[in-house]
Amino acid sequence: MNFHVLTLFPEMILQGLDTSIIGRAMAKNIITLEAVNIRDYTTNKHKKVDDYPYGGGAGMLMQAQPVYDAWKAVVEKINAGKGKKPRVIYLTPQGKTFRQSMAREFAEEENLIFLCGHYEGIDERVLEEIVTDYVSIGDYVLTGGELPTMVMIDAISRMVPGVLSNKESGESESFSNYLLEYPQYSRPEIWHEKRVPEVLLSGDHKKVEEWRLEQSLERTRKARSDLYEKWVEENQDYFIKKAKKEARQRKKEQKKKAASEKNTCIL
């Protein structure tokens, strides 16, 4: 996976991602990161890349020419005559909200170009020319696209094979199947008079998995009812099997109770 970021602040991107899991993945060349300074492509002798917007209004607008030329240089280097243009992601509050499913989709690409806006945005004409995906990380406004870009690169990278040391880590986390992640515990067994749930100490992997699913369902139901409803809609079999299991358990307990009462009467 190769990430290419068009930005006015390349050092912010490079320094922000050159640590921890993402930094190790880059060191192993599992992913690569290129931060392209849009200012390097302006024709203005003062390296100016913005101007006043037509029609008036507050703030400045990034001009089309330097953005387009920076994008063109990256595409030409990527393609080397192959002819396939990579997807270009523009970070904007007007885009679709970024989700885990999008991270998995983007992780299938070999190259991704991120375009980071600043000031009051970017000339609409160049956006129409080069952008394939408009994405937002939430309903709020930031000073630029660099932080959202880093958020997306982090999330996407974790879906790239080899980035995480344990393959399962990327599959059992929150949002992997609409559900929020279950609570987890480590040593010591008792901390601040709070004990680790007994089922996690049982060694019964089937019971542990059942408990974790129940915990995920309950957390999701309370915190994200929208996701919970989606999971319920797609997993009706789970509730049917659960109801049957509970019915069998009740029947078993009733028989046990009846036998106990019978023995008591005999005594």
C-alpha atoms as a PDB file:
ATOM      1  CA  MET A   1       0.000   0.000   0.000  1.00  0.00           C
ATOM      2  CA  ASN A   2       1.385   3.373  -1.039  1.00  0.00           C
ATOM      3  CA  PHE A   3       0.014   6.610   0.419  1.00  0.00           C
ATOM      4  CA  HIS A   4       0.600   9.929  -1.337  1.00  0.00           C
ATOM      5  CA  VAL A   5      -0.470  13.100   0.480  1.00  0.00           C
ATOM      6  CA  LEU A   6      -0.834  16.454  -1.254  1.00  0.00           C
ATOM      7  CA  THR A   7      -0.391  19.048   1.486  1.00  0.00           C
ATOM      8  CA  LEU A   8       0.991  22.443   2.465  1.00  0.00           C
ATOM      9  CA  PHE A   9       2.539  20.889   5.575  1.00  0.00           C
ATOM     10  CA  PRO A  10       4.403  17.698   4.610  1.00  0.00           C
ATOM     11  CA  GLU A  11       6.395  17.619   7.852  1.00  0.00           C
ATOM     12  CA  MET A  12       3.142  17.371   9.812  1.00  0.00           C
ATOM     13  CA  ILE A  13       2.172  14.213   7.921  1.00  0.00           C
ATOM     14  CA  LEU A  14       5.589  12.569   8.028  1.00  0.00           C
ATOM     15  CA  GLN A  15       6.264  13.276  11.695  1.00  0.00           C
ATOM     16  CA  GLY A  16       2.754  12.365  12.763  1.00  0.00           C
ATOM     17  CA  LEU A  17       2.843   8.883  11.237  1.00  0.00           C
ATOM     18  CA  ASP A  18       6.475   7.868  11.686  1.00  0.00           C
ATOM     19  CA  THR A  19       5.933   6.093  15.012  1.00  0.00           C
ATOM     20  CA  SER A  20       4.330   3.026  16.603  1.00  0.00           C
ATOM     21  CA  ILE A  21       2.597   0.445  14.389  1.00  0.00           C
ATOM     22  CA  ILE A  22       2.464   2.631  11.284  1.00  0.00           C
ATOM     23  CA  GLY A  23       6.107   3.631  11.660  1.00  0.00           C
ATOM     24  CA  ARG A  24       7.162  -0.024  11.955  1.00  0.00           C
ATOM     25  CA  ALA A  25       5.115  -0.928   8.884  1.00  0.00           C
ATOM     26  CA  MET A  26       6.882   1.781   6.907  1.00  0.00           C
ATOM     27  CA  ALA A  27      10.269   0.594   8.166  1.00  0.00           C
ATOM     28  CA  LYS A  28       9.418  -2.888   6.845  1.00  0.00           C
ATOM     29  CA  ASN A  29       8.207  -1.373   3.559  1.00  0.00           C
ATOM     30  CA  ILE A  30       4.757  -2.910   4.015  1.00  0.00           C
ATOM     31  CA  ILE A  31       3.358   0.557   3.430  1.00  0.00           C
ATOM     32  CA  THR A  32       5.006   3.669   2.015  1.00  0.00           C
ATOM     33  CA  LEU A  33       4.193   7.309   2.684  1.00  0.00           C
ATOM     34  CA  GLU A  34       4.971  10.262   0.469  1.00  0.00           C
ATOM     35  CA  ALA A  35       4.091  13.830   1.480  1.00  0.00           C
ATOM     36  CA  VAL A  36       4.073  16.166  -1.520  1.00  0.00           C
ATOM     37  CA  ASN A  37       4.354  19.892  -0.870  1.00  0.00           C
ATOM     38  CA  ILE A  38       1.791  21.663  -3.037  1.00  0.00           C
ATOM     39  CA  ARG A  39       3.861  24.869  -2.810  1.00  0.00           C
ATOM     40  CA  ASP A  40       6.579  23.195  -4.887  1.00  0.00           C
ATOM     41  CA  TYR A  41       4.218  23.274  -7.858  1.00  0.00           C
ATOM     42  CA  THR A  42       3.044  26.865  -7.796  1.00  0.00           C
ATOM     43  CA  THR A  43       4.115  29.192 -10.601  1.00  0.00           C
ATOM     44  CA  ASN A  44       4.076  32.167  -8.228  1.00  0.00           C
ATOM     45  CA  LYS A  45       7.598  33.396  -7.459  1.00  0.00           C
ATOM     46  CA  HIS A  46       6.625  33.973  -3.814  1.00  0.00           C
ATOM     47  CA  LYS A  47       5.350  30.371  -3.481  1.00  0.00           C
ATOM     48  CA  LYS A  48       1.822  31.644  -3.031  1.00  0.00           C
ATOM     49  CA  VAL A  49      -0.892  29.030  -3.492  1.00  0.00           C
ATOM     50  CA  ASP A  50      -4.026  30.929  -2.451  1.00  0.00           C
ATOM     51  CA  ASP A  51      -6.080  33.915  -3.555  1.00  0.00           C
ATOM     52  CA  TYR A  52      -9.356  35.709  -2.786  1.00  0.00           C
ATOM     53  CA  PRO A  53     -12.529  33.870  -3.822  1.00  0.00           C
ATOM     54  CA  TYR A  54     -14.663  35.286  -6.611  1.00  0.00           C
ATOM     55  CA  GLY A  55     -17.900  36.734  -5.266  1.00  0.00           C
ATOM     56  CA  GLY A  56     -16.281  37.848  -2.051  1.00  0.00           C
ATOM     57  CA  GLY A  57     -16.390  36.256   1.352  1.00  0.00           C
ATOM     58  CA  ALA A  58     -14.061  35.709   4.276  1.00  0.00           C
ATOM     59  CA  GLY A  59     -10.729  33.964   3.917  1.00  0.00           C
ATOM     60  CA  MET A  60      -8.600  32.744   1.053  1.00  0.00           C
ATOM     61  CA  LEU A  61      -9.012  29.850  -1.363  1.00  0.00           C
ATOM     62  CA  MET A  62      -6.364  27.408  -2.580  1.00  0.00           C
ATOM     63  CA  GLN A  63      -5.836  27.830  -6.311  1.00  0.00           C
ATOM     64  CA  ALA A  64      -6.406  25.098  -8.862  1.00  0.00           C
ATOM     65  CA  GLN A  65      -3.082  25.217 -10.708  1.00  0.00           C
ATOM     66  CA  PRO A  66      -0.626  24.150  -7.962  1.00  0.00           C
ATOM     67  CA  VAL A  67      -3.004  21.463  -6.699  1.00  0.00           C
ATOM     68  CA  TYR A  68      -3.498  20.059 -10.190  1.00  0.00           C
ATOM     69  CA  ASP A  69       0.203  20.058 -11.039  1.00  0.00           C
ATOM     70  CA  ALA A  70       1.112  18.358  -7.748  1.00  0.00           C
ATOM     71  CA  TRP A  71      -1.521  15.690  -8.427  1.00  0.00           C
ATOM     72  CA  LYS A  72      -0.347  15.248 -12.019  1.00  0.00           C
ATOM     73  CA  ALA A  73       3.263  14.722 -10.940  1.00  0.00           C
ATOM     74  CA  VAL A  74       2.251  12.014  -8.454  1.00  0.00           C
ATOM     75  CA  VAL A  75      -0.020  10.241 -10.960  1.00  0.00           C
ATOM     76  CA  GLU A  76       2.671  10.226 -13.636  1.00  0.00           C
ATOM     77  CA  LYS A  77       5.153   8.717 -11.194  1.00  0.00           C
ATOM     78  CA  ILE A  78       2.677   6.069 -10.042  1.00  0.00           C
ATOM     79  CA  ASN A  79       1.467   5.063 -13.463  1.00  0.00           C
ATOM     80  CA  ALA A  80       4.731   5.065 -15.417  1.00  0.00           C
ATOM     81  CA  GLY A  81       2.680   4.544 -18.559  1.00  0.00           C
ATOM     82  CA  LYS A  82       0.152   2.089 -17.067  1.00  0.00           C
ATOM     83  CA  GLY A  83      -2.747   4.449 -17.664  1.00  0.00           C
ATOM     84  CA  LYS A  84      -4.711   3.715 -14.467  1.00  0.00           C
ATOM     85  CA  LYS A  85      -5.398   6.754 -12.303  1.00  0.00           C
ATOM     86  CA  PRO A  86      -5.363   6.134  -8.529  1.00  0.00           C
ATOM     87  CA  ARG A  87      -8.239   7.162  -6.295  1.00  0.00           C
ATOM     88  CA  VAL A  88      -7.981  10.670  -4.863  1.00  0.00           C
ATOM     89  CA  ILE A  89      -9.529  11.318  -1.447  1.00  0.00           C
ATOM     90  CA  TYR A  90     -10.428  14.894  -0.561  1.00  0.00           C
ATOM     91  CA  LEU A  91     -11.000  15.481   3.149  1.00  0.00           C
ATOM     92  CA  THR A  92     -14.040  17.706   3.578  1.00  0.00           C
ATOM     93  CA  PRO A  93     -17.006  18.048   5.990  1.00  0.00           C
ATOM     94  CA  GLN A  94     -19.196  17.680   2.903  1.00  0.00           C
ATOM     95  CA  GLY A  95     -17.997  14.132   2.231  1.00  0.00           C
ATOM     96  CA  LYS A  96     -19.320  10.738   3.287  1.00  0.00           C
ATOM     97  CA  THR A  97     -18.560   9.884   6.898  1.00  0.00           C
ATOM     98  CA  PHE A  98     -15.516   7.633   7.191  1.00  0.00           C
ATOM     99  CA  ARG A  99     -16.321   4.159   8.516  1.00  0.00           C
ATOM    100  CA  GLN A 100     -14.509   0.884   9.105  1.00  0.00           C
ATOM    101  CA  SER A 101     -16.067  -0.573   5.960  1.00  0.00           C
ATOM    102  CA  MET A 102     -14.481   2.255   3.968  1.00  0.00           C
ATOM    103  CA  ALA A 103     -11.103   1.532   5.563  1.00  0.00           C
ATOM    104  CA  ARG A 104     -11.345  -2.075   4.386  1.00  0.00           C
ATOM    105  CA  GLU A 105     -12.358  -0.944   0.897  1.00  0.00           C
ATOM    106  CA  PHE A 106      -9.517   1.567   0.566  1.00  0.00           C
ATOM    107  CA  ALA A 107      -7.034  -1.017   1.871  1.00  0.00           C
ATOM    108  CA  GLU A 108      -7.632  -3.034  -1.314  1.00  0.00           C
ATOM    109  CA  GLU A 109      -6.012  -0.268  -3.384  1.00  0.00           C
ATOM    110  CA  GLU A 110      -2.325  -0.256  -4.276  1.00  0.00           C
ATOM    111  CA  ASN A 111      -2.073   3.545  -4.278  1.00  0.00           C
ATOM    112  CA  LEU A 112      -4.153   6.245  -2.602  1.00  0.00           C
ATOM    113  CA  ILE A 113      -3.767   9.994  -2.989  1.00  0.00           C
ATOM    114  CA  PHE A 114      -5.020  12.273  -0.215  1.00  0.00           C
ATOM    115  CA  LEU A 115      -5.699  15.946  -0.871  1.00  0.00           C
ATOM    116  CA  CYS A 116      -5.505  18.220   2.170  1.00  0.00           C
ATOM    117  CA  GLY A 117      -7.303  21.535   1.907  1.00  0.00           C
ATOM    118  CA  HIS A 118      -6.595  24.682   3.904  1.00  0.00           C
ATOM    119  CA  TYR A 119      -7.947  28.192   4.345  1.00  0.00           C
ATOM    120  CA  GLU A 120     -11.516  28.275   3.000  1.00  0.00           C
ATOM    121  CA  GLY A 121     -11.003  25.232   0.792  1.00  0.00           C
ATOM    122  CA  ILE A 122      -9.902  24.551  -2.783  1.00  0.00           C
ATOM    123  CA  ASP A 123     -11.040  25.877  -6.148  1.00  0.00           C
ATOM    124  CA  GLU A 124     -14.005  23.703  -7.166  1.00  0.00           C
ATOM    125  CA  ARG A 125     -12.728  23.245 -10.708  1.00  0.00           C
ATOM    126  CA  VAL A 126      -9.691  21.198  -9.716  1.00  0.00           C
ATOM    127  CA  LEU A 127     -11.786  19.110  -7.323  1.00  0.00           C
ATOM    128  CA  GLU A 128     -14.099  18.220 -10.201  1.00  0.00           C
ATOM    129  CA  GLU A 129     -11.055  17.326 -12.272  1.00  0.00           C
ATOM    130  CA  ILE A 130      -9.151  15.012  -9.930  1.00  0.00           C
ATOM    131  CA  VAL A 131     -11.162  13.918  -6.844  1.00  0.00           C
ATOM    132  CA  THR A 132     -12.797  10.478  -6.807  1.00  0.00           C
ATOM    133  CA  ASP A 133     -13.852  10.289  -3.129  1.00  0.00           C
ATOM    134  CA  TYR A 134     -15.109  13.035  -0.795  1.00  0.00           C
ATOM    135  CA  VAL A 135     -14.678  11.904   2.811  1.00  0.00           C
ATOM    136  CA  SER A 136     -15.352  13.411   6.254  1.00  0.00           C
ATOM    137  CA  ILE A 137     -14.201  12.051   9.609  1.00  0.00           C
ATOM    138  CA  GLY A 138     -17.042  13.737  11.473  1.00  0.00           C
ATOM    139  CA  ASP A 139     -19.479  16.609  11.736  1.00  0.00           C
ATOM    140  CA  TYR A 140     -17.014  19.304  12.742  1.00  0.00           C
ATOM    141  CA  VAL A 141     -14.544  21.641  11.036  1.00  0.00           C
ATOM    142  CA  LEU A 142     -10.751  21.516  11.383  1.00  0.00           C
ATOM    143  CA  THR A 143      -8.101  23.962  10.211  1.00  0.00           C
ATOM    144  CA  GLY A 144      -6.908  21.626   7.471  1.00  0.00           C
ATOM    145  CA  GLY A 145      -7.049  18.154   6.001  1.00  0.00           C
ATOM    146  CA  GLU A 146      -3.833  16.835   7.532  1.00  0.00           C
ATOM    147  CA  LEU A 147      -5.277  15.450  10.776  1.00  0.00           C
ATOM    148  CA  PRO A 148      -8.203  13.696   9.014  1.00  0.00           C
ATOM    149  CA  THR A 149      -5.725  12.275   6.503  1.00  0.00           C
ATOM    150  CA  MET A 150      -3.583  10.827   9.282  1.00  0.00           C
ATOM    151  CA  VAL A 151      -6.666   9.328  10.924  1.00  0.00           C
ATOM    152  CA  MET A 152      -7.642   7.633   7.670  1.00  0.00           C
ATOM    153  CA  ILE A 153      -4.133   6.402   6.883  1.00  0.00           C
ATOM    154  CA  ASP A 154      -3.884   4.870  10.345  1.00  0.00           C
ATOM    155  CA  ALA A 155      -7.250   3.098  10.012  1.00  0.00           C
ATOM    156  CA  ILE A 156      -6.581   1.914   6.452  1.00  0.00           C
ATOM    157  CA  SER A 157      -3.055   0.726   7.208  1.00  0.00           C
ATOM    158  CA  ARG A 158      -4.327  -1.587   9.947  1.00  0.00           C
ATOM    159  CA  MET A 159      -6.331  -3.427   7.277  1.00  0.00           C
ATOM    160  CA  VAL A 160      -3.242  -4.037   5.125  1.00  0.00           C
ATOM    161  CA  PRO A 161      -1.871  -7.593   5.560  1.00  0.00           C
ATOM    162  CA  GLY A 162       1.306  -7.646   7.626  1.00  0.00           C
ATOM    163  CA  VAL A 163       0.826  -4.310   9.373  1.00  0.00           C
ATOM    164  CA  LEU A 164      -0.605  -5.841  12.539  1.00  0.00           C
ATOM    165  CA  SER A 165       1.437  -8.559  14.215  1.00  0.00           C
ATOM    166  CA  ASN A 166      -1.678 -10.624  14.919  1.00  0.00           C
ATOM    167  CA  LYS A 167      -4.077 -11.037  11.978  1.00  0.00           C
ATOM    168  CA  GLU A 168      -7.001 -11.542  14.336  1.00  0.00           C
ATOM    169  CA  SER A 169      -6.451  -8.100  15.872  1.00  0.00           C
ATOM    170  CA  GLY A 170      -7.876  -6.414  12.805  1.00  0.00           C
ATOM    171  CA  GLU A 171     -10.881  -8.714  12.614  1.00  0.00           C
ATOM    172  CA  SER A 172     -12.243  -8.778  16.171  1.00  0.00           C
ATOM    173  CA  GLU A 173     -12.139  -5.066  17.006  1.00  0.00           C
ATOM    174  CA  SER A 174     -14.956  -2.550  17.211  1.00  0.00           C
ATOM    175  CA  PHE A 175     -16.993  -2.066  14.018  1.00  0.00           C
ATOM    176  CA  SER A 176     -15.557  -5.195  12.364  1.00  0.00           C
ATOM    177  CA  ASN A 177     -19.099  -6.612  12.192  1.00  0.00           C
ATOM    178  CA  TYR A 178     -21.184  -3.630  13.409  1.00  0.00           C
ATOM    179  CA  LEU A 179     -20.458  -4.482  17.048  1.00  0.00           C
ATOM    180  CA  LEU A 180     -18.359  -2.538  19.539  1.00  0.00           C
ATOM    181  CA  GLU A 181     -15.525  -4.482  21.108  1.00  0.00           C
ATOM    182  CA  TYR A 182     -16.097  -6.467  24.294  1.00  0.00           C
ATOM    183  CA  PRO A 183     -14.323  -5.470  27.568  1.00  0.00           C
ATOM    184  CA  GLN A 184     -10.858  -6.917  28.091  1.00  0.00           C
ATOM    185  CA  TYR A 185      -8.796  -7.660  31.193  1.00  0.00           C
ATOM    186  CA  SER A 186      -5.183  -8.391  32.073  1.00  0.00           C
ATOM    187  CA  ARG A 187      -3.190  -9.284  35.198  1.00  0.00           C
ATOM    188  CA  PRO A 188      -3.603  -8.985  38.140  1.00  0.00           C
ATOM    189  CA  GLU A 189      -6.740 -11.045  38.631  1.00  0.00           C
ATOM    190  CA  ILE A 190      -7.981  -8.594  41.297  1.00  0.00           C
ATOM    191  CA  TRP A 191      -7.365  -4.843  41.069  1.00  0.00           C
ATOM    192  CA  HIS A 192      -8.987  -2.200  43.303  1.00  0.00           C
ATOM    193  CA  GLU A 193     -11.219  -4.992  44.604  1.00  0.00           C
ATOM    194  CA  LYS A 194     -12.501  -5.598  41.086  1.00  0.00           C
ATOM    195  CA  ARG A 195     -12.203  -9.195  39.895  1.00  0.00           C
ATOM    196  CA  VAL A 196     -11.747 -10.449  36.345  1.00  0.00           C
ATOM    197  CA  PRO A 197     -14.978 -12.181  35.176  1.00  0.00           C
ATOM    198  CA  GLU A 198     -14.845 -15.875  36.116  1.00  0.00           C
ATOM    199  CA  VAL A 199     -15.629 -17.067  32.601  1.00  0.00           C
ATOM    200  CA  LEU A 200     -12.335 -15.613  31.336  1.00  0.00           C
ATOM    201  CA  LEU A 201     -10.460 -17.749  33.861  1.00  0.00           C
ATOM    202  CA  SER A 202     -12.366 -20.926  33.034  1.00  0.00           C
ATOM    203  CA  GLY A 203     -10.243 -22.082  30.100  1.00  0.00           C
ATOM    204  CA  ASP A 204     -13.455 -22.904  28.210  1.00  0.00           C
ATOM    205  CA  HIS A 205     -12.903 -21.148  24.885  1.00  0.00           C
ATOM    206  CA  LYS A 206     -16.469 -21.692  23.712  1.00  0.00           C
ATOM    207  CA  LYS A 207     -17.905 -20.058  26.822  1.00  0.00           C
ATOM    208  CA  VAL A 208     -15.404 -17.216  26.543  1.00  0.00           C
ATOM    209  CA  GLU A 209     -16.454 -16.507  22.950  1.00  0.00           C
ATOM    210  CA  GLU A 210     -20.127 -16.618  23.928  1.00  0.00           C
ATOM    211  CA  TRP A 211     -19.495 -14.191  26.799  1.00  0.00           C
ATOM    212  CA  ARG A 212     -17.553 -11.816  24.572  1.00  0.00           C
ATOM    213  CA  LEU A 213     -20.315 -11.755  21.983  1.00  0.00           C
ATOM    214  CA  GLU A 214     -22.928 -11.064  24.669  1.00  0.00           C
ATOM    215  CA  GLN A 215     -20.817  -8.233  26.029  1.00  0.00           C
ATOM    216  CA  SER A 216     -20.332  -6.741  22.560  1.00  0.00           C
ATOM    217  CA  LEU A 217     -24.057  -6.921  21.895  1.00  0.00           C
ATOM    218  CA  GLU A 218     -24.920  -5.234  25.181  1.00  0.00           C
ATOM    219  CA  ARG A 219     -22.334  -2.472  24.713  1.00  0.00           C
ATOM    220  CA  THR A 220     -23.489  -1.809  21.184  1.00  0.00           C
ATOM    221  CA  ARG A 221     -27.165  -1.817  22.180  1.00  0.00           C
ATOM    222  CA  LYS A 222     -26.518   0.816  24.844  1.00  0.00           C
ATOM    223  CA  ALA A 223     -24.014   3.042  23.001  1.00  0.00           C
ATOM    224  CA  ARG A 224     -24.853   2.588  19.319  1.00  0.00           C
ATOM    225  CA  SER A 225     -28.398   1.368  18.833  1.00  0.00           C
ATOM    226  CA  ASP A 226     -28.099   2.053  15.084  1.00  0.00           C
ATOM    227  CA  LEU A 227     -25.281  -0.475  14.742  1.00  0.00           C
ATOM    228  CA  TYR A 228     -27.029  -2.925  17.053  1.00  0.00           C
ATOM    229  CA  GLU A 229     -30.148  -2.887  14.871  1.00  0.00           C
ATOM    230  CA  LYS A 230     -28.063  -3.589  11.768  1.00  0.00           C
ATOM    231  CA  TRP A 231     -26.429  -6.569  13.479  1.00  0.00           C
ATOM    232  CA  VAL A 232     -29.784  -7.912  14.665  1.00  0.00           C
ATOM    233  CA  GLU A 233     -31.215  -7.590  11.176  1.00  0.00           C
ATOM    234  CA  GLU A 234     -28.403  -9.645   9.674  1.00  0.00           C
ATOM    235  CA  ASN A 235     -28.132 -12.229  12.482  1.00  0.00           C
ATOM    236  CA  GLN A 236     -31.639 -13.472  13.227  1.00  0.00           C
ATOM    237  CA  ASP A 237     -30.307 -17.042  13.449  1.00  0.00           C
ATOM    238  CA  TYR A 238     -28.330 -16.070  16.544  1.00  0.00           C
ATOM    239  CA  PHE A 239     -31.473 -15.151  18.486  1.00  0.00           C
ATOM    240  CA  ILE A 240     -33.328 -18.254  17.312  1.00  0.00           C
ATOM    241  CA  LYS A 241     -30.473 -20.489  18.496  1.00  0.00           C
ATOM    242  CA  LYS A 242     -30.173 -18.525  21.729  1.00  0.00           C
ATOM    243  CA  ALA A 243     -33.891 -18.923  22.460  1.00  0.00           C
ATOM    244  CA  LYS A 244     -33.700 -22.674  21.845  1.00  0.00           C
ATOM    245  CA  LYS A 245     -30.641 -22.993  24.059  1.00  0.00           C
ATOM    246  CA  GLU A 246     -32.311 -21.067  26.882  1.00  0.00           C
ATOM    247  CA  ALA A 247     -35.441 -23.234  26.528  1.00  0.00           C
ATOM    248  CA  ARG A 248     -33.319 -26.381  26.830  1.00  0.00           C
ATOM    249  CA  GLN A 249     -31.545 -24.940  29.858  1.00  0.00           C
ATOM    250  CA  ARG A 250     -34.840 -24.101  31.563  1.00  0.00           C
ATOM    251  CA  LYS A 251     -36.162 -27.583  30.851  1.00  0.00           C
ATOM    252  CA  LYS A 252     -33.011 -29.105  32.247  1.00  0.00           C
ATOM    253  CA  GLU A 253     -33.264 -27.012  35.417  1.00  0.00           C
ATOM    254  CA  GLN A 254     -36.952 -27.901  35.841  1.00  0.00           C
ATOM    255  CA  LYS A 255     -36.134 -31.619  35.622  1.00  0.00           C
ATOM    256  CA  LYS A 256     -33.335 -31.175  38.124  1.00  0.00           C
ATOM    257  CA  LYS A 257     -35.648 -29.280  40.482  1.00  0.00           C
ATOM    258  CA  ALA A 258     -38.387 -31.917  40.125  1.00  0.00           C
ATOM    259  CA  ALA A 259     -35.914 -34.706  40.870  1.00  0.00           C
ATOM    260  CA  SER A 260     -34.656 -32.836  43.910  1.00  0.00           C
ATOM    261  CA  GLU A 261     -38.188 -32.332  45.238  1.00  0.00           C
ATOM    262  CA  LYS A 262     -38.968 -36.015  44.652  1.00  0.00           C
ATOM    263  CA  ASN A 263     -35.929 -37.093  46.630  1.00  0.00           C
ATOM    264  CA  THR A 264     -36.910 -34.720  49.417  1.00  0.00           C
ATOM    265  CA  CYS A 265     -40.403 -36.253  49.609  1.00  0.00           C
ATOM    266  CA  ILE A 266     -38.947 -39.796  49.785  1.00  0.00           C
ATOM    267  CA  LEU A 267     -36.716 -38.786  52.666  1.00  0.00           C
END
